[in-house]
Every structure is written in structure tokens, then in C-alpha cells.
Amino acid sequence: MLRLSVEDLDRANRRARTIRKGGKEDDLLYDIRTARMLGQLLVRRRTGPVFLSTRRVPEDGTARPGEFDKGSRRFRMTYRTAERHLGTASSGWDLHDLRHFVPA
């Protein structure tokens, strides 16, 4: 999910195009609650990574295109950062635990 870019989202049909292990393309479906949260997260962004870090791109131009949001100049969120945020917000969960989570 951290590799998703805004261009991968089909927001009208609540789908996200992704690459699974082994390189197979797949569509992820999401519900209306997720669609609403994505709308709040993305606001007016039409390109770039969905999930952003607080780290900013250096002015020297060494960052690869597609790895940061051009408007805010913030990098794509890393796995390590996402895991740290989840651990802080939960009772010690890690990102792999989310694969097995079934909401009530």
C-alpha cells in the first residue's frame, strides 16, 4: 500500500491498481469509509505518492521523480515510518498484523 500513487487510484469505482508479490497486477477494492478518508488525505492532489512522510526533498535535485509530491516536496512514506506510527497508535501492532485484521 505504501507504494500506491494517486494515479493508481480509480476513486470513482473505489479501486486501486497494485502489483502483488511476483509482479502480478491486481485491483484492490475499498469501501466508502476508505474512500472518504482518501478524499481527506489527498485533498486536491492528483499525482504523486498517496502516503507522505514529513521529510522534504533536498534542493540539490537528487530525489527520484515519483518518490515525492511535487507540491509539498515531501517524500513517500517508508515502511519503517509507517510501522512506527502504527506501533504508537495501537497496542504494539506491526504492519503485517493489518493483513489479518477483519473489522467488526
C-alpha atoms as a PDB file:
ATOM      1  CA  MET A   1       0.000   0.000   0.000  1.00  0.00           C
ATOM      2  CA  LEU A   2       2.854   2.400   0.693  1.00  0.00           C
ATOM      3  CA  ARG A   3       3.851   2.141  -2.983  1.00  0.00           C
ATOM      4  CA  LEU A   4       0.469   3.481  -4.146  1.00  0.00           C
ATOM      5  CA  SER A   5       0.438   6.692  -6.108  1.00  0.00           C
ATOM      6  CA  VAL A   6      -2.602   8.895  -6.649  1.00  0.00           C
ATOM      7  CA  GLU A   7      -2.521   7.862 -10.327  1.00  0.00           C
ATOM      8  CA  ASP A   8      -3.092   4.224  -9.244  1.00  0.00           C
ATOM      9  CA  LEU A   9      -6.464   5.089  -7.718  1.00  0.00           C
ATOM     10  CA  ASP A  10      -9.779   4.776  -9.530  1.00  0.00           C
ATOM     11  CA  ARG A  11     -11.662   6.808  -6.962  1.00  0.00           C
ATOM     12  CA  ALA A  12     -14.987   6.738  -8.839  1.00  0.00           C
ATOM     13  CA  ASN A  13     -15.061   2.924  -8.672  1.00  0.00           C
ATOM     14  CA  ARG A  14     -13.225   2.621  -5.325  1.00  0.00           C
ATOM     15  CA  ARG A  15     -10.346   0.574  -6.730  1.00  0.00           C
ATOM     16  CA  ALA A  16      -6.578   0.813  -6.540  1.00  0.00           C
ATOM     17  CA  ARG A  17      -4.242  -0.778  -9.101  1.00  0.00           C
ATOM     18  CA  THR A  18      -1.300  -2.509  -7.433  1.00  0.00           C
ATOM     19  CA  ILE A  19       1.459  -5.030  -8.089  1.00  0.00           C
ATOM     20  CA  ARG A  20       1.440  -8.166  -5.923  1.00  0.00           C
ATOM     21  CA  LYS A  21       4.372 -10.350  -4.994  1.00  0.00           C
ATOM     22  CA  GLY A  22       5.795 -11.914  -8.119  1.00  0.00           C
ATOM     23  CA  GLY A  23       4.879  -8.901 -10.265  1.00  0.00           C
ATOM     24  CA  LYS A  24       1.209  -9.758 -10.899  1.00  0.00           C
ATOM     25  CA  GLU A  25      -1.107  -6.755 -11.333  1.00  0.00           C
ATOM     26  CA  ASP A  26      -4.229  -6.672  -9.205  1.00  0.00           C
ATOM     27  CA  ASP A  27      -7.087  -4.374  -8.195  1.00  0.00           C
ATOM     28  CA  LEU A  28      -7.690  -3.646  -4.535  1.00  0.00           C
ATOM     29  CA  LEU A  29     -11.270  -2.773  -3.700  1.00  0.00           C
ATOM     30  CA  TYR A  30     -12.091  -0.421  -0.850  1.00  0.00           C
ATOM     31  CA  ASP A  31     -15.287   0.662   0.858  1.00  0.00           C
ATOM     32  CA  ILE A  32     -16.977   4.050   1.162  1.00  0.00           C
ATOM     33  CA  ARG A  33     -15.308   4.794   4.528  1.00  0.00           C
ATOM     34  CA  THR A  34     -11.878   4.353   2.980  1.00  0.00           C
ATOM     35  CA  ALA A  35     -12.935   6.483   0.006  1.00  0.00           C
ATOM     36  CA  ARG A  36     -13.900   9.301   2.378  1.00  0.00           C
ATOM     37  CA  MET A  37     -10.598   9.071   4.258  1.00  0.00           C
ATOM     38  CA  LEU A  38      -8.666   9.097   0.978  1.00  0.00           C
ATOM     39  CA  GLY A  39     -10.554  12.242  -0.027  1.00  0.00           C
ATOM     40  CA  GLN A  40      -9.468  13.921   3.209  1.00  0.00           C
ATOM     41  CA  LEU A  41      -5.900  12.676   2.860  1.00  0.00           C
ATOM     42  CA  LEU A  42      -5.443  13.701  -0.770  1.00  0.00           C
ATOM     43  CA  VAL A  43      -7.456  16.956  -0.732  1.00  0.00           C
ATOM     44  CA  ARG A  44      -6.596  18.361  -4.209  1.00  0.00           C
ATOM     45  CA  ARG A  45      -3.566  16.221  -5.053  1.00  0.00           C
ATOM     46  CA  ARG A  46      -3.808  14.499  -8.443  1.00  0.00           C
ATOM     47  CA  THR A  47      -0.310  12.996  -8.686  1.00  0.00           C
ATOM     48  CA  GLY A  48       2.443  11.595  -6.510  1.00  0.00           C
ATOM     49  CA  PRO A  49       2.531   9.174  -3.578  1.00  0.00           C
ATOM     50  CA  VAL A  50      -0.644   8.627  -1.565  1.00  0.00           C
ATOM     51  CA  PHE A  51       1.152   8.329   1.783  1.00  0.00           C
ATOM     52  CA  LEU A  52       3.672  11.062   2.538  1.00  0.00           C
ATOM     53  CA  SER A  53       6.448  11.414   5.071  1.00  0.00           C
ATOM     54  CA  THR A  54       7.312  14.649   6.852  1.00  0.00           C
ATOM     55  CA  ARG A  55      10.783  14.526   5.246  1.00  0.00           C
ATOM     56  CA  ARG A  56      11.311  17.060   2.478  1.00  0.00           C
ATOM     57  CA  VAL A  57      13.193  16.654  -0.787  1.00  0.00           C
ATOM     58  CA  PRO A  58      16.649  18.275  -0.796  1.00  0.00           C
ATOM     59  CA  GLU A  59      17.165  21.233  -3.110  1.00  0.00           C
ATOM     60  CA  ASP A  60      20.072  19.516  -4.914  1.00  0.00           C
ATOM     61  CA  GLY A  61      17.706  17.575  -7.197  1.00  0.00           C
ATOM     62  CA  THR A  62      18.921  14.104  -6.174  1.00  0.00           C
ATOM     63  CA  ALA A  63      15.439  12.713  -5.429  1.00  0.00           C
ATOM     64  CA  ARG A  64      13.917  10.368  -7.996  1.00  0.00           C
ATOM     65  CA  PRO A  65      10.715  11.522  -9.712  1.00  0.00           C
ATOM     66  CA  GLY A  66       7.659   9.698  -8.383  1.00  0.00           C
ATOM     67  CA  GLU A  67       9.146   9.320  -4.903  1.00  0.00           C
ATOM     68  CA  PHE A  68       7.869  12.667  -3.674  1.00  0.00           C
ATOM     69  CA  ASP A  69       4.916  15.028  -4.001  1.00  0.00           C
ATOM     70  CA  LYS A  70       5.837  17.964  -6.229  1.00  0.00           C
ATOM     71  CA  GLY A  71       3.517  20.393  -4.453  1.00  0.00           C
ATOM     72  CA  SER A  72       4.636  19.842  -0.877  1.00  0.00           C
ATOM     73  CA  ARG A  73       8.068  18.390  -1.808  1.00  0.00           C
ATOM     74  CA  ARG A  74       7.527  15.627   0.779  1.00  0.00           C
ATOM     75  CA  PHE A  75       8.875  12.099   0.261  1.00  0.00           C
ATOM     76  CA  ARG A  76       6.838   8.900   0.026  1.00  0.00           C
ATOM     77  CA  MET A  77       6.363   7.346   3.481  1.00  0.00           C
ATOM     78  CA  THR A  78       8.731   4.473   4.232  1.00  0.00           C
ATOM     79  CA  TYR A  79       7.752   1.123   5.721  1.00  0.00           C
ATOM     80  CA  ARG A  80       9.763   1.884   8.841  1.00  0.00           C
ATOM     81  CA  THR A  81       7.974   5.204   9.406  1.00  0.00           C
ATOM     82  CA  ALA A  82       4.541   3.651   8.844  1.00  0.00           C
ATOM     83  CA  GLU A  83       5.351   0.851  11.272  1.00  0.00           C
ATOM     84  CA  ARG A  84       6.499   3.357  13.895  1.00  0.00           C
ATOM     85  CA  HIS A  85       3.247   5.354  13.545  1.00  0.00           C
ATOM     86  CA  LEU A  86       1.109   2.207  13.778  1.00  0.00           C
ATOM     87  CA  GLY A  87       3.008   0.984  16.841  1.00  0.00           C
ATOM     88  CA  THR A  88       2.433   4.334  18.542  1.00  0.00           C
ATOM     89  CA  ALA A  89      -1.265   4.464  17.618  1.00  0.00           C
ATOM     90  CA  SER A  90      -2.029   0.863  18.595  1.00  0.00           C
ATOM     91  CA  SER A  91      -1.134  -1.601  21.299  1.00  0.00           C
ATOM     92  CA  GLY A  92       2.063  -2.730  19.587  1.00  0.00           C
ATOM     93  CA  TRP A  93       0.703  -3.859  16.212  1.00  0.00           C
ATOM     94  CA  ASP A  94       3.013  -4.058  13.219  1.00  0.00           C
ATOM     95  CA  LEU A  95       2.098  -3.585   9.555  1.00  0.00           C
ATOM     96  CA  HIS A  96       1.955  -7.314   8.885  1.00  0.00           C
ATOM     97  CA  ASP A  97      -0.802  -7.622  11.523  1.00  0.00           C
ATOM     98  CA  LEU A  98      -3.045  -5.427   9.347  1.00  0.00           C
ATOM     99  CA  ARG A  99      -3.092  -8.109   6.622  1.00  0.00           C
ATOM    100  CA  HIS A 100      -5.035 -10.332   9.012  1.00  0.00           C
ATOM    101  CA  PHE A 101      -7.299  -7.671  10.515  1.00  0.00           C
ATOM    102  CA  VAL A 102     -11.016  -8.074   9.884  1.00  0.00           C
ATOM    103  CA  PRO A 103     -13.040  -5.047  11.021  1.00  0.00           C
ATOM    104  CA  ALA A 104     -16.092  -5.664  13.156  1.00  0.00           C
END
